[in-house]
Amino acid sequence: LTRTGVFEYTSSEVPIEASFDGTVKIQRDEDEVFAENTIASFEGKPVTINHPEGMVTPENWSELAHGVVQNVRRGQGEMSDLLLGDILITTEKGIELVKSGLREVSCGYDAQYEQIEKGKGKQREIIGNHVALVTKGRAGSRCTIQDSGDKENAITTKEDIYKMKAKDFSSASSQNPDLPMLWLTKTWVSPHR
C-alpha cells in the first residue's frame, strides 16, 4: 500500500513551506506508518480508480468504491518498510483495469505535518481514507498489486476460489502471510427471490 521514506510533493499538496523550486520533501517515519491507529485506519477502506477530487465519504462511496482493502499489516524482512494489504476488487470496471495493467497503488489519507526546514517536513498521525489504483504512485513500483504470474503472486478470481478445495485455499493464504493477495470478484444478486 505504501512505504516509509521521503516523498516529494508540491507546495499546493501539503501545508509546508516549499523550497525555492516549489517542491517539498516529506519524511514518513516507520513509527507513523506502522502506528496501530494508521494500520487500523486503512482496514476496510475503499479502493478507487485514481484519486477522487476529495475524500471518500458515505455520500460518494457507492460511486467511487471499486473494492476494499483488508488484512492491513507491516511487511517483514525485505518488505519491512512496506505497509501491506490484501485488495478485493468488486466491480467489473476495476477488475478489467487491473487485468489490463493498472496496478500501482496510492493511499489517500489525512495527516498532520511538521515543518523541519524550508522545503522539508514530517508526516504524523496518518489516517487512511482510500487506496487508489493509479498509473504511477508516489510510493513507487514496490507499492503495486503483486501478481507476477507465479503461483504465490497470482490474481485470484471468484472462479479460482470455486475450484479450490478448502484445505488448498487455507494453505495458499498461509504459505507466505507477507505476500499481499488480490481478490477479483463480481457479485450478482438474483432478481428471483
C-alpha atoms as a PDB file:
ATOM      1  CA  LEU A   1       0.000   0.000   0.000  1.00  0.00           C
ATOM      2  CA  THR A   2       2.755   2.436   0.952  1.00  0.00           C
ATOM      3  CA  ARG A   3       6.244   2.647   2.398  1.00  0.00           C
ATOM      4  CA  THR A   4       8.401   4.626   4.778  1.00  0.00           C
ATOM      5  CA  GLY A   5      10.924   7.161   3.494  1.00  0.00           C
ATOM      6  CA  VAL A   6      10.936  10.514   1.743  1.00  0.00           C
ATOM      7  CA  PHE A   7       8.158  11.554  -0.643  1.00  0.00           C
ATOM      8  CA  GLU A   8       8.143  14.578  -2.928  1.00  0.00           C
ATOM      9  CA  TYR A   9       5.108  16.871  -3.051  1.00  0.00           C
ATOM     10  CA  THR A  10       4.310  20.286  -4.482  1.00  0.00           C
ATOM     11  CA  SER A  11       3.611  23.184  -2.161  1.00  0.00           C
ATOM     12  CA  SER A  12      -0.104  23.041  -3.065  1.00  0.00           C
ATOM     13  CA  GLU A  13      -0.382  19.447  -1.781  1.00  0.00           C
ATOM     14  CA  VAL A  14       0.946  19.850   1.771  1.00  0.00           C
ATOM     15  CA  PRO A  15       0.908  22.674   4.369  1.00  0.00           C
ATOM     16  CA  ILE A  16       4.718  23.012   4.376  1.00  0.00           C
ATOM     17  CA  GLU A  17       6.669  25.982   3.020  1.00  0.00           C
ATOM     18  CA  ALA A  18       8.279  24.868  -0.243  1.00  0.00           C
ATOM     19  CA  SER A  19      11.905  25.087  -1.286  1.00  0.00           C
ATOM     20  CA  PHE A  20      12.961  27.592  -3.964  1.00  0.00           C
ATOM     21  CA  ASP A  21      11.922  25.158  -6.741  1.00  0.00           C
ATOM     22  CA  GLY A  22       8.379  24.738  -5.321  1.00  0.00           C
ATOM     23  CA  THR A  23       8.860  21.197  -4.037  1.00  0.00           C
ATOM     24  CA  VAL A  24       8.506  19.780  -0.552  1.00  0.00           C
ATOM     25  CA  LYS A  25      10.183  16.605   0.670  1.00  0.00           C
ATOM     26  CA  ILE A  26       8.109  14.856   3.344  1.00  0.00           C
ATOM     27  CA  GLN A  27       9.632  12.238   5.636  1.00  0.00           C
ATOM     28  CA  ARG A  28       7.310   9.383   6.554  1.00  0.00           C
ATOM     29  CA  ASP A  29       8.845   7.515   9.512  1.00  0.00           C
ATOM     30  CA  GLU A  30       8.111   3.913  10.465  1.00  0.00           C
ATOM     31  CA  ASP A  31       6.667   4.872  13.852  1.00  0.00           C
ATOM     32  CA  GLU A  32       3.968   6.809  11.960  1.00  0.00           C
ATOM     33  CA  VAL A  33       3.370   4.453   9.011  1.00  0.00           C
ATOM     34  CA  PHE A  34       3.133   1.406  11.282  1.00  0.00           C
ATOM     35  CA  ALA A  35       1.311   3.070  14.169  1.00  0.00           C
ATOM     36  CA  GLU A  36      -1.612   0.954  15.361  1.00  0.00           C
ATOM     37  CA  ASN A  37      -4.100   3.716  14.504  1.00  0.00           C
ATOM     38  CA  THR A  38      -2.673   4.148  10.994  1.00  0.00           C
ATOM     39  CA  ILE A  39      -2.823   0.434  10.202  1.00  0.00           C
ATOM     40  CA  ALA A  40      -6.362   0.150  11.598  1.00  0.00           C
ATOM     41  CA  SER A  41      -7.492   3.212   9.639  1.00  0.00           C
ATOM     42  CA  PHE A  42      -6.805   1.533   6.275  1.00  0.00           C
ATOM     43  CA  GLU A  43      -8.689  -1.664   7.162  1.00  0.00           C
ATOM     44  CA  GLY A  44     -11.881  -1.909   5.084  1.00  0.00           C
ATOM     45  CA  LYS A  45     -11.215   1.313   3.196  1.00  0.00           C
ATOM     46  CA  PRO A  46     -12.412   1.591  -0.409  1.00  0.00           C
ATOM     47  CA  VAL A  47     -10.247   1.001  -3.454  1.00  0.00           C
ATOM     48  CA  THR A  48     -10.817   3.757  -6.014  1.00  0.00           C
ATOM     49  CA  ILE A  49      -9.780   4.243  -9.616  1.00  0.00           C
ATOM     50  CA  ASN A  50      -7.399   7.180  -9.383  1.00  0.00           C
ATOM     51  CA  HIS A  51      -7.768   9.614  -6.502  1.00  0.00           C
ATOM     52  CA  PRO A  52     -11.172  11.287  -6.207  1.00  0.00           C
ATOM     53  CA  GLU A  53     -11.424  15.085  -6.005  1.00  0.00           C
ATOM     54  CA  GLY A  54     -11.837  14.923  -2.232  1.00  0.00           C
ATOM     55  CA  MET A  55     -12.191  12.200   0.356  1.00  0.00           C
ATOM     56  CA  VAL A  56     -14.414   9.146   0.036  1.00  0.00           C
ATOM     57  CA  THR A  57     -17.488   9.703   2.205  1.00  0.00           C
ATOM     58  CA  PRO A  58     -20.727   7.815   2.889  1.00  0.00           C
ATOM     59  CA  GLU A  59     -22.367  10.080   0.293  1.00  0.00           C
ATOM     60  CA  ASN A  60     -19.985   9.166  -2.560  1.00  0.00           C
ATOM     61  CA  TRP A  61     -18.830   5.649  -1.511  1.00  0.00           C
ATOM     62  CA  SER A  62     -21.105   3.762  -3.941  1.00  0.00           C
ATOM     63  CA  GLU A  63     -19.949   5.960  -6.830  1.00  0.00           C
ATOM     64  CA  LEU A  64     -16.209   5.730  -6.066  1.00  0.00           C
ATOM     65  CA  ALA A  65     -15.554   2.338  -4.435  1.00  0.00           C
ATOM     66  CA  HIS A  66     -14.387  -0.470  -6.719  1.00  0.00           C
ATOM     67  CA  GLY A  67     -13.234  -2.725  -3.896  1.00  0.00           C
ATOM     68  CA  VAL A  68     -11.883  -2.766  -0.349  1.00  0.00           C
ATOM     69  CA  VAL A  69      -8.581  -3.172   1.481  1.00  0.00           C
ATOM     70  CA  GLN A  70      -8.244  -5.989   4.037  1.00  0.00           C
ATOM     71  CA  ASN A  71      -5.641  -7.572   6.274  1.00  0.00           C
ATOM     72  CA  VAL A  72      -3.514  -4.423   6.569  1.00  0.00           C
ATOM     73  CA  ARG A  73      -0.124  -5.174   8.125  1.00  0.00           C
ATOM     74  CA  ARG A  74       3.552  -4.357   8.209  1.00  0.00           C
ATOM     75  CA  GLY A  75       5.796  -6.347   5.895  1.00  0.00           C
ATOM     76  CA  GLN A  76       8.647  -8.443   7.242  1.00  0.00           C
ATOM     77  CA  GLY A  77      12.252  -8.977   6.143  1.00  0.00           C
ATOM     78  CA  GLU A  78      12.994  -7.222   2.859  1.00  0.00           C
ATOM     79  CA  MET A  79       9.467  -5.798   2.952  1.00  0.00           C
ATOM     80  CA  SER A  80       9.696  -4.384   6.497  1.00  0.00           C
ATOM     81  CA  ASP A  81       9.480  -0.812   5.166  1.00  0.00           C
ATOM     82  CA  LEU A  82       6.148  -1.558   3.457  1.00  0.00           C
ATOM     83  CA  LEU A  83       2.578  -1.313   4.687  1.00  0.00           C
ATOM     84  CA  LEU A  84       0.864  -4.294   3.029  1.00  0.00           C
ATOM     85  CA  GLY A  85      -2.773  -5.148   2.492  1.00  0.00           C
ATOM     86  CA  ASP A  86      -4.946  -7.532   0.533  1.00  0.00           C
ATOM     87  CA  ILE A  87      -7.115  -5.883  -2.098  1.00  0.00           C
ATOM     88  CA  LEU A  88     -10.583  -7.145  -3.000  1.00  0.00           C
ATOM     89  CA  ILE A  89     -11.746  -5.678  -6.325  1.00  0.00           C
ATOM     90  CA  THR A  90     -15.518  -5.968  -6.658  1.00  0.00           C
ATOM     91  CA  THR A  91     -16.548  -4.121  -9.829  1.00  0.00           C
ATOM     92  CA  GLU A  92     -16.267  -5.211 -13.432  1.00  0.00           C
ATOM     93  CA  LYS A  93     -14.548  -1.925 -14.338  1.00  0.00           C
ATOM     94  CA  GLY A  94     -11.990  -2.348 -11.543  1.00  0.00           C
ATOM     95  CA  ILE A  95     -11.290  -5.961 -12.490  1.00  0.00           C
ATOM     96  CA  GLU A  96     -10.753  -5.082 -16.153  1.00  0.00           C
ATOM     97  CA  LEU A  97      -8.430  -2.180 -15.303  1.00  0.00           C
ATOM     98  CA  VAL A  98      -6.300  -4.356 -13.010  1.00  0.00           C
ATOM     99  CA  LYS A  99      -6.133  -7.137 -15.588  1.00  0.00           C
ATOM    100  CA  SER A 100      -5.097  -4.595 -18.239  1.00  0.00           C
ATOM    101  CA  GLY A 101      -2.246  -3.245 -16.118  1.00  0.00           C
ATOM    102  CA  LEU A 102      -3.486  -0.562 -13.712  1.00  0.00           C
ATOM    103  CA  ARG A 103      -1.564  -1.956 -10.736  1.00  0.00           C
ATOM    104  CA  GLU A 104       0.259   0.745  -8.787  1.00  0.00           C
ATOM    105  CA  VAL A 105      -1.482   1.983  -5.669  1.00  0.00           C
ATOM    106  CA  SER A 106      -1.510   5.289  -3.855  1.00  0.00           C
ATOM    107  CA  CYS A 107      -3.006   5.924  -0.441  1.00  0.00           C
ATOM    108  CA  GLY A 108      -5.488   8.721   0.147  1.00  0.00           C
ATOM    109  CA  TYR A 109      -5.363   9.905   3.756  1.00  0.00           C
ATOM    110  CA  ASP A 110      -5.426  12.778   6.198  1.00  0.00           C
ATOM    111  CA  ALA A 111      -2.322  13.607   8.235  1.00  0.00           C
ATOM    112  CA  GLN A 112      -0.646  16.217  10.368  1.00  0.00           C
ATOM    113  CA  TYR A 113       2.517  17.899   9.080  1.00  0.00           C
ATOM    114  CA  GLU A 114       5.530  19.356  10.846  1.00  0.00           C
ATOM    115  CA  GLN A 115       7.864  21.841   9.125  1.00  0.00           C
ATOM    116  CA  ILE A 116      11.513  20.784   9.569  1.00  0.00           C
ATOM    117  CA  GLU A 117      13.021  23.480   7.376  1.00  0.00           C
ATOM    118  CA  LYS A 118      12.107  25.230   4.137  1.00  0.00           C
ATOM    119  CA  GLY A 119      11.136  22.506   1.663  1.00  0.00           C
ATOM    120  CA  LYS A 120      11.242  19.701   4.256  1.00  0.00           C
ATOM    121  CA  GLY A 121       8.660  18.299   6.623  1.00  0.00           C
ATOM    122  CA  LYS A 122       7.427  15.243   8.501  1.00  0.00           C
ATOM    123  CA  GLN A 123       4.111  13.487   8.290  1.00  0.00           C
ATOM    124  CA  ARG A 124       2.360  12.439  11.506  1.00  0.00           C
ATOM    125  CA  GLU A 125      -0.956  10.886  12.577  1.00  0.00           C
ATOM    126  CA  ILE A 126      -1.781   9.311   9.211  1.00  0.00           C
ATOM    127  CA  ILE A 127      -5.441   8.287   8.917  1.00  0.00           C
ATOM    128  CA  GLY A 128      -6.423   6.312   5.805  1.00  0.00           C
ATOM    129  CA  ASN A 129      -9.387   7.233   3.628  1.00  0.00           C
ATOM    130  CA  HIS A 130      -8.923   5.141   0.461  1.00  0.00           C
ATOM    131  CA  VAL A 131      -6.387   3.327  -1.701  1.00  0.00           C
ATOM    132  CA  ALA A 132      -6.335   4.411  -5.340  1.00  0.00           C
ATOM    133  CA  LEU A 133      -5.357   2.324  -8.350  1.00  0.00           C
ATOM    134  CA  VAL A 134      -3.045   4.646 -10.301  1.00  0.00           C
ATOM    135  CA  THR A 135      -0.740   4.604 -13.300  1.00  0.00           C
ATOM    136  CA  LYS A 136       2.244   5.829 -11.279  1.00  0.00           C
ATOM    137  CA  GLY A 137       2.125   6.039  -7.490  1.00  0.00           C
ATOM    138  CA  ARG A 138       4.220   8.396  -5.398  1.00  0.00           C
ATOM    139  CA  ALA A 139       5.499   5.455  -3.320  1.00  0.00           C
ATOM    140  CA  GLY A 140       6.967   3.814  -6.430  1.00  0.00           C
ATOM    141  CA  SER A 141       6.680   0.466  -8.141  1.00  0.00           C
ATOM    142  CA  ARG A 142       7.211  -1.523  -4.937  1.00  0.00           C
ATOM    143  CA  CYS A 143       3.726  -0.399  -3.903  1.00  0.00           C
ATOM    144  CA  THR A 144       1.827  -2.223  -6.559  1.00  0.00           C
ATOM    145  CA  ILE A 145      -0.504  -5.153  -6.917  1.00  0.00           C
ATOM    146  CA  GLN A 146       1.830  -8.126  -6.740  1.00  0.00           C
ATOM    147  CA  ASP A 147       0.745 -10.619  -9.348  1.00  0.00           C
ATOM    148  CA  SER A 148       3.820 -11.503 -11.337  1.00  0.00           C
ATOM    149  CA  GLY A 149       2.068 -14.584 -12.674  1.00  0.00           C
ATOM    150  CA  ASP A 150       3.719 -17.078 -10.366  1.00  0.00           C
ATOM    151  CA  LYS A 151       1.541 -19.134  -8.064  1.00  0.00           C
ATOM    152  CA  GLU A 152       2.375 -17.148  -4.918  1.00  0.00           C
ATOM    153  CA  ASN A 153       1.529 -13.787  -6.504  1.00  0.00           C
ATOM    154  CA  ALA A 154      -1.247 -14.724  -8.901  1.00  0.00           C
ATOM    155  CA  ILE A 155      -4.540 -12.900  -9.160  1.00  0.00           C
ATOM    156  CA  THR A 156      -7.293 -14.971  -7.551  1.00  0.00           C
ATOM    157  CA  THR A 157     -10.679 -14.750  -9.223  1.00  0.00           C
ATOM    158  CA  LYS A 158     -14.005 -15.970  -7.924  1.00  0.00           C
ATOM    159  CA  GLU A 159     -13.780 -18.843 -10.388  1.00  0.00           C
ATOM    160  CA  ASP A 160     -10.391 -19.851  -8.894  1.00  0.00           C
ATOM    161  CA  ILE A 161     -11.890 -19.881  -5.410  1.00  0.00           C
ATOM    162  CA  TYR A 162     -14.733 -22.154  -6.552  1.00  0.00           C
ATOM    163  CA  LYS A 163     -12.169 -24.613  -7.951  1.00  0.00           C
ATOM    164  CA  MET A 164     -10.085 -24.720  -4.759  1.00  0.00           C
ATOM    165  CA  LYS A 165     -10.688 -27.207  -2.017  1.00  0.00           C
ATOM    166  CA  ALA A 166     -10.971 -25.642   1.431  1.00  0.00           C
ATOM    167  CA  LYS A 167      -7.590 -27.005   2.536  1.00  0.00           C
ATOM    168  CA  ASP A 168      -5.906 -25.688  -0.658  1.00  0.00           C
ATOM    169  CA  PHE A 169      -7.356 -22.235  -0.038  1.00  0.00           C
ATOM    170  CA  SER A 170      -6.166 -22.222   3.565  1.00  0.00           C
ATOM    171  CA  SER A 171      -2.731 -23.488   2.552  1.00  0.00           C
ATOM    172  CA  ALA A 172      -2.329 -20.919  -0.239  1.00  0.00           C
ATOM    173  CA  SER A 173      -3.106 -17.997   2.026  1.00  0.00           C
ATOM    174  CA  SER A 174      -0.921 -19.189   4.891  1.00  0.00           C
ATOM    175  CA  GLN A 175       2.211 -20.215   2.939  1.00  0.00           C
ATOM    176  CA  ASN A 176       3.550 -16.669   2.964  1.00  0.00           C
ATOM    177  CA  PRO A 177       1.464 -14.323   5.119  1.00  0.00           C
ATOM    178  CA  ASP A 178       3.609 -11.370   3.988  1.00  0.00           C
ATOM    179  CA  LEU A 179       2.531 -11.598   0.372  1.00  0.00           C
ATOM    180  CA  PRO A 180      -0.445  -9.354  -0.339  1.00  0.00           C
ATOM    181  CA  MET A 181      -3.311 -11.028  -2.115  1.00  0.00           C
ATOM    182  CA  LEU A 182      -5.549  -9.618  -4.808  1.00  0.00           C
ATOM    183  CA  TRP A 183      -9.068 -10.960  -4.993  1.00  0.00           C
ATOM    184  CA  LEU A 184     -11.187 -10.226  -8.027  1.00  0.00           C
ATOM    185  CA  THR A 185     -14.868 -10.926  -7.682  1.00  0.00           C
ATOM    186  CA  LYS A 186     -18.178  -9.812  -9.113  1.00  0.00           C
ATOM    187  CA  THR A 187     -21.277 -10.343  -7.029  1.00  0.00           C
ATOM    188  CA  TRP A 188     -24.670 -10.676  -8.640  1.00  0.00           C
ATOM    189  CA  VAL A 189     -27.990 -10.552  -6.850  1.00  0.00           C
ATOM    190  CA  SER A 190     -30.604 -12.752  -8.428  1.00  0.00           C
ATOM    191  CA  PRO A 191     -33.809 -10.936  -9.377  1.00  0.00           C
ATOM    192  CA  HIS A 192     -35.673 -14.141  -8.463  1.00  0.00           C
ATOM    193  CA  ARG A 193     -36.024 -14.471  -4.709  1.00  0.00           C
END
